Amino acid sequence: MDWIAWDDSLDTGHAGMDAEHRQMAGLFNLLRDAVESGQGKAACTKVLDDIIQQTQTHFDVEQRLMQQHRYPKIMQHAAEHAMLLSQAQDFRDSFNIDTAASRTALKRFPEVWLAFHILFSDKSLAAFLARRQHDPGAQ
């Protein structure tokens, strides 16, 4: 069972964001595989590093889109990106595959970190971008 089971509820309607979100979900599912197959801390940390790197790249793209289209919630959205990356780095630095607390936190990590951001922030951004595409003067 995937930690991030992709379904229509996670689609934002923005093809680029959705493709990148699916890739990140795939990385989270690789992390699950590494944990469940007992690959150890080194393997899990490598996947966490990949998640952080891909997410940073994704956030950079989103932030360029927000600047280009003058997204009115850019400061709030950018602050959320910074908080998420900080949380991910803190999680990575304190991650210990051998503790029950880390394994439990790991199972909640993708839900809180990826799904909530998509559902509550990225969908709003995608809707704004769609309106701007159809009516460049729209807010």
N, C-alpha and C. Protein backbone atom coordinates (compact mmCIF):
# COMPACT_ATOMS: atom_id res chain seq x y z
N MET A 1 0.84 -1.18 0.00
CA MET A 1 0.00 0.00 0.00
C MET A 1 0.89 1.24 0.00
N ASP A 2 0.59 2.19 -0.88
CA ASP A 2 1.37 3.41 -0.98
C ASP A 2 1.08 4.34 0.19
N TRP A 3 2.12 5.07 0.61
CA TRP A 3 1.91 6.11 1.61
C TRP A 3 1.15 7.27 0.99
N ILE A 4 1.50 7.59 -0.24
CA ILE A 4 0.75 8.60 -0.98
C ILE A 4 0.12 7.87 -2.16
N ALA A 5 -1.14 7.53 -1.99
CA ALA A 5 -1.88 6.89 -3.06
C ALA A 5 -2.50 8.00 -3.90
N TRP A 6 -1.97 8.16 -5.10
CA TRP A 6 -2.42 9.27 -5.94
C TRP A 6 -3.84 9.02 -6.39
N ASP A 7 -4.68 10.02 -6.24
CA ASP A 7 -6.03 9.96 -6.78
C ASP A 7 -6.42 11.36 -7.24
N ASP A 8 -7.60 11.48 -7.84
CA ASP A 8 -8.04 12.75 -8.41
C ASP A 8 -8.10 13.88 -7.39
N SER A 9 -8.27 13.55 -6.11
CA SER A 9 -8.36 14.61 -5.10
C SER A 9 -7.06 15.39 -4.98
N LEU A 10 -5.93 14.81 -5.40
CA LEU A 10 -4.65 15.49 -5.31
C LEU A 10 -4.28 16.25 -6.58
N ASP A 11 -5.06 16.07 -7.65
CA ASP A 11 -4.81 16.83 -8.88
C ASP A 11 -5.17 18.29 -8.67
N THR A 12 -4.26 19.16 -9.10
CA THR A 12 -4.51 20.60 -8.99
C THR A 12 -5.13 21.16 -10.27
N GLY A 13 -4.97 20.44 -11.37
CA GLY A 13 -5.42 20.95 -12.66
C GLY A 13 -4.30 21.65 -13.42
N HIS A 14 -3.15 21.80 -12.80
CA HIS A 14 -1.98 22.39 -13.46
C HIS A 14 -1.06 21.22 -13.81
N ALA A 15 -0.90 20.96 -15.09
CA ALA A 15 -0.18 19.76 -15.54
C ALA A 15 1.24 19.68 -14.98
N GLY A 16 1.97 20.77 -14.99
CA GLY A 16 3.34 20.74 -14.49
C GLY A 16 3.42 20.43 -13.01
N MET A 17 2.59 21.11 -12.22
CA MET A 17 2.59 20.85 -10.77
C MET A 17 2.16 19.42 -10.49
N ASP A 18 1.13 18.96 -11.19
CA ASP A 18 0.64 17.61 -10.94
C ASP A 18 1.71 16.56 -11.27
N ALA A 19 2.44 16.75 -12.35
CA ALA A 19 3.49 15.80 -12.72
C ALA A 19 4.58 15.76 -11.65
N GLU A 20 4.97 16.94 -11.16
CA GLU A 20 6.00 16.99 -10.12
C GLU A 20 5.49 16.41 -8.80
N HIS A 21 4.24 16.66 -8.47
CA HIS A 21 3.65 16.09 -7.26
C HIS A 21 3.62 14.56 -7.34
N ARG A 22 3.30 14.03 -8.51
CA ARG A 22 3.29 12.57 -8.67
C ARG A 22 4.69 12.00 -8.48
N GLN A 23 5.70 12.70 -9.00
CA GLN A 23 7.08 12.24 -8.82
C GLN A 23 7.45 12.23 -7.34
N MET A 24 7.05 13.28 -6.62
CA MET A 24 7.35 13.32 -5.19
C MET A 24 6.62 12.21 -4.45
N ALA A 25 5.37 11.96 -4.83
CA ALA A 25 4.63 10.86 -4.21
C ALA A 25 5.36 9.54 -4.45
N GLY A 26 5.89 9.38 -5.66
CA GLY A 26 6.67 8.18 -5.96
C GLY A 26 7.89 8.04 -5.08
N LEU A 27 8.56 9.16 -4.80
CA LEU A 27 9.72 9.12 -3.90
C LEU A 27 9.31 8.74 -2.48
N PHE A 28 8.19 9.28 -2.01
CA PHE A 28 7.71 8.90 -0.69
C PHE A 28 7.41 7.40 -0.64
N ASN A 29 6.88 6.88 -1.72
CA ASN A 29 6.58 5.45 -1.76
C ASN A 29 7.86 4.61 -1.82
N LEU A 30 8.92 5.15 -2.45
CA LEU A 30 10.22 4.49 -2.40
C LEU A 30 10.76 4.47 -0.97
N LEU A 31 10.53 5.56 -0.25
CA LEU A 31 10.95 5.62 1.14
C LEU A 31 10.22 4.56 1.96
N ARG A 32 8.93 4.43 1.71
CA ARG A 32 8.16 3.39 2.40
C ARG A 32 8.75 2.02 2.10
N ASP A 33 9.06 1.77 0.84
CA ASP A 33 9.63 0.48 0.46
C ASP A 33 10.95 0.23 1.21
N ALA A 34 11.79 1.29 1.30
CA ALA A 34 13.08 1.14 1.98
C ALA A 34 12.88 0.82 3.46
N VAL A 35 11.91 1.48 4.08
CA VAL A 35 11.65 1.23 5.50
C VAL A 35 11.10 -0.17 5.70
N GLU A 36 10.10 -0.53 4.91
CA GLU A 36 9.43 -1.82 5.10
C GLU A 36 10.30 -3.01 4.74
N SER A 37 11.26 -2.80 3.84
CA SER A 37 12.12 -3.92 3.48
C SER A 37 13.39 -3.96 4.33
N GLY A 38 13.47 -3.06 5.33
CA GLY A 38 14.60 -3.07 6.25
C GLY A 38 15.92 -2.66 5.64
N GLN A 39 15.90 -1.73 4.68
CA GLN A 39 17.13 -1.32 4.00
C GLN A 39 18.06 -0.49 4.87
N GLY A 40 17.59 -0.02 6.00
CA GLY A 40 18.46 0.69 6.94
C GLY A 40 18.48 2.19 6.75
N LYS A 41 19.17 2.83 7.68
CA LYS A 41 19.19 4.29 7.74
C LYS A 41 19.82 4.92 6.50
N ALA A 42 20.93 4.37 6.00
CA ALA A 42 21.62 4.97 4.86
C ALA A 42 20.71 5.03 3.63
N ALA A 43 20.01 3.96 3.36
CA ALA A 43 19.11 3.93 2.20
C ALA A 43 17.95 4.91 2.39
N CYS A 44 17.40 4.95 3.59
CA CYS A 44 16.28 5.86 3.87
C CYS A 44 16.72 7.31 3.79
N THR A 45 17.90 7.60 4.31
CA THR A 45 18.43 8.96 4.26
C THR A 45 18.66 9.40 2.82
N LYS A 46 19.13 8.48 1.97
CA LYS A 46 19.34 8.80 0.55
C LYS A 46 18.02 9.19 -0.10
N VAL A 47 16.95 8.46 0.18
CA VAL A 47 15.65 8.79 -0.40
C VAL A 47 15.14 10.11 0.18
N LEU A 48 15.34 10.33 1.48
CA LEU A 48 14.94 11.61 2.08
C LEU A 48 15.69 12.76 1.41
N ASP A 49 16.98 12.58 1.13
CA ASP A 49 17.75 13.61 0.42
C ASP A 49 17.16 13.87 -0.97
N ASP A 50 16.78 12.80 -1.66
CA ASP A 50 16.17 12.95 -2.99
C ASP A 50 14.84 13.71 -2.90
N ILE A 51 14.05 13.41 -1.87
CA ILE A 51 12.78 14.10 -1.66
C ILE A 51 13.02 15.58 -1.43
N ILE A 52 13.97 15.90 -0.58
CA ILE A 52 14.27 17.31 -0.27
C ILE A 52 14.77 18.03 -1.52
N GLN A 53 15.66 17.41 -2.27
CA GLN A 53 16.19 18.04 -3.49
C GLN A 53 15.10 18.27 -4.52
N GLN A 54 14.29 17.26 -4.78
CA GLN A 54 13.23 17.41 -5.77
C GLN A 54 12.21 18.44 -5.32
N THR A 55 11.93 18.47 -4.04
CA THR A 55 10.97 19.43 -3.52
C THR A 55 11.50 20.85 -3.64
N GLN A 56 12.78 21.04 -3.35
CA GLN A 56 13.37 22.38 -3.50
C GLN A 56 13.24 22.85 -4.94
N THR A 57 13.54 21.97 -5.88
CA THR A 57 13.41 22.32 -7.30
C THR A 57 11.96 22.66 -7.64
N HIS A 58 11.04 21.85 -7.15
CA HIS A 58 9.61 22.08 -7.39
C HIS A 58 9.17 23.42 -6.80
N PHE A 59 9.58 23.70 -5.58
CA PHE A 59 9.21 24.97 -4.94
C PHE A 59 9.79 26.15 -5.71
N ASP A 60 11.00 26.02 -6.23
CA ASP A 60 11.60 27.09 -7.04
C ASP A 60 10.74 27.38 -8.27
N VAL A 61 10.26 26.33 -8.92
CA VAL A 61 9.39 26.50 -10.10
C VAL A 61 8.09 27.20 -9.70
N GLU A 62 7.48 26.74 -8.61
CA GLU A 62 6.25 27.36 -8.14
C GLU A 62 6.46 28.83 -7.81
N GLN A 63 7.57 29.14 -7.16
CA GLN A 63 7.81 30.52 -6.77
C GLN A 63 8.04 31.42 -7.98
N ARG A 64 8.68 30.89 -9.03
CA ARG A 64 8.83 31.67 -10.26
C ARG A 64 7.46 31.92 -10.89
N LEU A 65 6.59 30.91 -10.89
CA LEU A 65 5.24 31.09 -11.42
C LEU A 65 4.47 32.14 -10.62
N MET A 66 4.60 32.08 -9.31
CA MET A 66 3.88 33.05 -8.47
C MET A 66 4.37 34.47 -8.72
N GLN A 67 5.68 34.65 -8.89
CA GLN A 67 6.22 35.97 -9.18
C GLN A 67 5.79 36.45 -10.56
N GLN A 68 5.91 35.57 -11.53
CA GLN A 68 5.58 35.91 -12.92
C GLN A 68 4.13 36.35 -13.04
N HIS A 69 3.24 35.70 -12.32
CA HIS A 69 1.80 35.97 -12.44
C HIS A 69 1.26 36.83 -11.30
N ARG A 70 2.17 37.34 -10.47
CA ARG A 70 1.81 38.23 -9.36
C ARG A 70 0.72 37.61 -8.46
N TYR A 71 1.02 36.43 -8.00
CA TYR A 71 0.10 35.72 -7.12
C TYR A 71 -0.06 36.50 -5.82
N PRO A 72 -1.28 36.85 -5.45
CA PRO A 72 -1.46 37.70 -4.27
C PRO A 72 -1.08 37.03 -2.94
N LYS A 73 -1.02 35.71 -2.90
CA LYS A 73 -0.67 34.99 -1.67
C LYS A 73 0.78 34.49 -1.71
N ILE A 74 1.62 35.16 -2.50
CA ILE A 74 2.99 34.67 -2.70
C ILE A 74 3.77 34.61 -1.39
N MET A 75 3.64 35.59 -0.53
CA MET A 75 4.41 35.60 0.71
C MET A 75 4.00 34.44 1.62
N GLN A 76 2.70 34.20 1.73
CA GLN A 76 2.20 33.10 2.55
C GLN A 76 2.65 31.76 1.99
N HIS A 77 2.53 31.60 0.67
CA HIS A 77 2.90 30.34 0.02
C HIS A 77 4.41 30.10 0.13
N ALA A 78 5.20 31.15 -0.09
CA ALA A 78 6.66 31.02 0.01
C ALA A 78 7.07 30.69 1.45
N ALA A 79 6.39 31.28 2.42
CA ALA A 79 6.69 30.98 3.83
C ALA A 79 6.37 29.52 4.14
N GLU A 80 5.30 29.01 3.56
CA GLU A 80 4.96 27.60 3.76
C GLU A 80 6.03 26.70 3.14
N HIS A 81 6.51 27.08 1.95
CA HIS A 81 7.60 26.31 1.33
C HIS A 81 8.82 26.27 2.25
N ALA A 82 9.20 27.43 2.78
CA ALA A 82 10.37 27.49 3.66
C ALA A 82 10.16 26.62 4.90
N MET A 83 8.96 26.68 5.47
CA MET A 83 8.66 25.88 6.66
C MET A 83 8.72 24.38 6.35
N LEU A 84 8.15 23.98 5.21
CA LEU A 84 8.15 22.57 4.83
C LEU A 84 9.57 22.06 4.60
N LEU A 85 10.39 22.85 3.93
CA LEU A 85 11.77 22.43 3.70
C LEU A 85 12.55 22.35 5.02
N SER A 86 12.31 23.28 5.91
CA SER A 86 12.96 23.25 7.21
C SER A 86 12.53 22.01 8.00
N GLN A 87 11.24 21.71 7.98
CA GLN A 87 10.74 20.52 8.66
C GLN A 87 11.34 19.25 8.06
N ALA A 88 11.43 19.21 6.74
CA ALA A 88 12.00 18.04 6.08
C ALA A 88 13.46 17.85 6.46
N GLN A 89 14.22 18.95 6.49
CA GLN A 89 15.63 18.85 6.86
C GLN A 89 15.77 18.44 8.32
N ASP A 90 14.95 19.01 9.20
CA ASP A 90 14.98 18.61 10.61
C ASP A 90 14.63 17.14 10.76
N PHE A 91 13.62 16.70 10.01
CA PHE A 91 13.22 15.30 10.07
C PHE A 91 14.37 14.40 9.59
N ARG A 92 14.99 14.81 8.50
CA ARG A 92 16.10 14.03 7.94
C ARG A 92 17.25 13.94 8.94
N ASP A 93 17.56 15.07 9.59
CA ASP A 93 18.69 15.11 10.52
C ASP A 93 18.43 14.29 11.78
N SER A 94 17.17 14.18 12.20
CA SER A 94 16.88 13.46 13.44
C SER A 94 16.35 12.06 13.20
N PHE A 95 16.21 11.68 11.94
CA PHE A 95 15.64 10.39 11.58
C PHE A 95 16.50 9.24 12.09
N ASN A 96 15.86 8.29 12.75
CA ASN A 96 16.53 7.09 13.23
C ASN A 96 15.61 5.91 12.96
N ILE A 97 15.91 5.14 11.96
CA ILE A 97 15.06 4.04 11.52
C ILE A 97 14.84 3.01 12.62
N ASP A 98 15.71 2.99 13.61
CA ASP A 98 15.64 1.96 14.65
C ASP A 98 14.67 2.29 15.79
N THR A 99 14.04 3.46 15.75
CA THR A 99 13.11 3.80 16.83
C THR A 99 11.67 3.77 16.33
N ALA A 100 10.79 3.34 17.19
CA ALA A 100 9.37 3.30 16.84
C ALA A 100 8.85 4.70 16.57
N ALA A 101 9.32 5.69 17.33
CA ALA A 101 8.86 7.07 17.14
C ALA A 101 9.22 7.58 15.75
N SER A 102 10.43 7.29 15.28
CA SER A 102 10.83 7.72 13.93
C SER A 102 10.01 7.02 12.86
N ARG A 103 9.77 5.73 13.06
CA ARG A 103 8.97 5.00 12.06
C ARG A 103 7.54 5.54 12.01
N THR A 104 6.97 5.88 13.17
CA THR A 104 5.62 6.45 13.21
C THR A 104 5.62 7.83 12.54
N ALA A 105 6.60 8.65 12.88
CA ALA A 105 6.70 9.98 12.28
C ALA A 105 6.88 9.87 10.77
N LEU A 106 7.65 8.89 10.35
CA LEU A 106 7.89 8.68 8.94
C LEU A 106 6.60 8.35 8.19
N LYS A 107 5.73 7.59 8.81
CA LYS A 107 4.48 7.23 8.15
C LYS A 107 3.55 8.45 8.02
N ARG A 108 3.64 9.40 8.94
CA ARG A 108 2.80 10.61 8.88
C ARG A 108 3.43 11.70 8.01
N PHE A 109 4.72 11.65 7.86
CA PHE A 109 5.47 12.67 7.15
C PHE A 109 4.91 13.00 5.76
N PRO A 110 4.72 12.02 4.88
CA PRO A 110 4.23 12.37 3.54
C PRO A 110 2.81 12.93 3.55
N GLU A 111 1.97 12.43 4.42
CA GLU A 111 0.59 12.92 4.49
C GLU A 111 0.56 14.39 4.86
N VAL A 112 1.25 14.72 5.92
CA VAL A 112 1.26 16.09 6.41
C VAL A 112 2.04 16.98 5.45
N TRP A 113 3.16 16.48 5.00
CA TRP A 113 4.10 17.32 4.26
C TRP A 113 3.70 17.53 2.81
N LEU A 114 3.18 16.52 2.16
CA LEU A 114 2.85 16.64 0.74
C LEU A 114 1.37 16.82 0.51
N ALA A 115 0.56 15.93 1.04
CA ALA A 115 -0.87 15.97 0.72
C ALA A 115 -1.53 17.26 1.21
N PHE A 116 -1.27 17.68 2.44
CA PHE A 116 -1.91 18.89 2.95
C PHE A 116 -1.48 20.11 2.15
N HIS A 117 -0.21 20.17 1.77
CA HIS A 117 0.26 21.31 0.99
C HIS A 117 -0.45 21.36 -0.37
N ILE A 118 -0.60 20.22 -0.99
CA ILE A 118 -1.29 20.18 -2.28
C ILE A 118 -2.75 20.61 -2.10
N LEU A 119 -3.42 19.99 -1.14
CA LEU A 119 -4.86 20.23 -0.97
C LEU A 119 -5.18 21.66 -0.56
N PHE A 120 -4.33 22.26 0.28
CA PHE A 120 -4.70 23.55 0.83
C PHE A 120 -3.95 24.74 0.25
N SER A 121 -2.85 24.52 -0.41
CA SER A 121 -2.09 25.65 -0.95
C SER A 121 -1.95 25.57 -2.47
N ASP A 122 -1.50 24.42 -2.97
CA ASP A 122 -1.23 24.33 -4.40
C ASP A 122 -2.50 24.36 -5.24
N LYS A 123 -3.59 23.82 -4.73
CA LYS A 123 -4.85 23.88 -5.49
C LYS A 123 -5.29 25.33 -5.68
N SER A 124 -5.11 26.14 -4.65
CA SER A 124 -5.44 27.56 -4.75
C SER A 124 -4.55 28.26 -5.77
N LEU A 125 -3.27 27.96 -5.74
CA LEU A 125 -2.34 28.54 -6.71
C LEU A 125 -2.70 28.10 -8.12
N ALA A 126 -2.99 26.83 -8.32
CA ALA A 126 -3.34 26.32 -9.66
C ALA A 126 -4.61 26.98 -10.18
N ALA A 127 -5.59 27.17 -9.33
CA ALA A 127 -6.84 27.83 -9.75
C ALA A 127 -6.55 29.27 -10.16
N PHE A 128 -5.70 29.96 -9.40
CA PHE A 128 -5.32 31.32 -9.75
C PHE A 128 -4.63 31.34 -11.11
N LEU A 129 -3.68 30.44 -11.32
CA LEU A 129 -2.96 30.39 -12.60
C LEU A 129 -3.89 30.10 -13.76
N ALA A 130 -4.87 29.23 -13.54
CA ALA A 130 -5.84 28.91 -14.60
C ALA A 130 -6.67 30.16 -14.95
N ARG A 131 -7.09 30.90 -13.93
CA ARG A 131 -7.85 32.14 -14.18
C ARG A 131 -7.00 33.14 -14.95
N ARG A 132 -5.73 33.25 -14.58
CA ARG A 132 -4.81 34.19 -15.25
C ARG A 132 -4.59 33.77 -16.71
N GLN A 133 -4.56 32.49 -16.96
CA GLN A 133 -4.36 32.01 -18.32
C GLN A 133 -5.55 32.37 -19.21
N HIS A 134 -6.75 32.25 -18.65
CA HIS A 134 -7.96 32.53 -19.42
C HIS A 134 -8.27 34.03 -19.49
N ASP A 135 -7.85 34.77 -18.47
CA ASP A 135 -8.08 36.21 -18.41
C ASP A 135 -6.87 36.84 -17.72
N PRO A 136 -5.87 37.27 -18.49
CA PRO A 136 -4.63 37.78 -17.90
C PRO A 136 -4.81 38.90 -16.88
N GLY A 137 -5.92 39.60 -16.90
CA GLY A 137 -6.16 40.66 -15.94
C GLY A 137 -6.86 40.17 -14.68
N ALA A 138 -7.21 38.90 -14.65
CA ALA A 138 -7.98 38.34 -13.51
C ALA A 138 -7.10 38.21 -12.28
N GLN A 139 -7.72 38.30 -11.13
CA GLN A 139 -7.05 38.06 -9.84
C GLN A 139 -7.62 36.85 -9.26
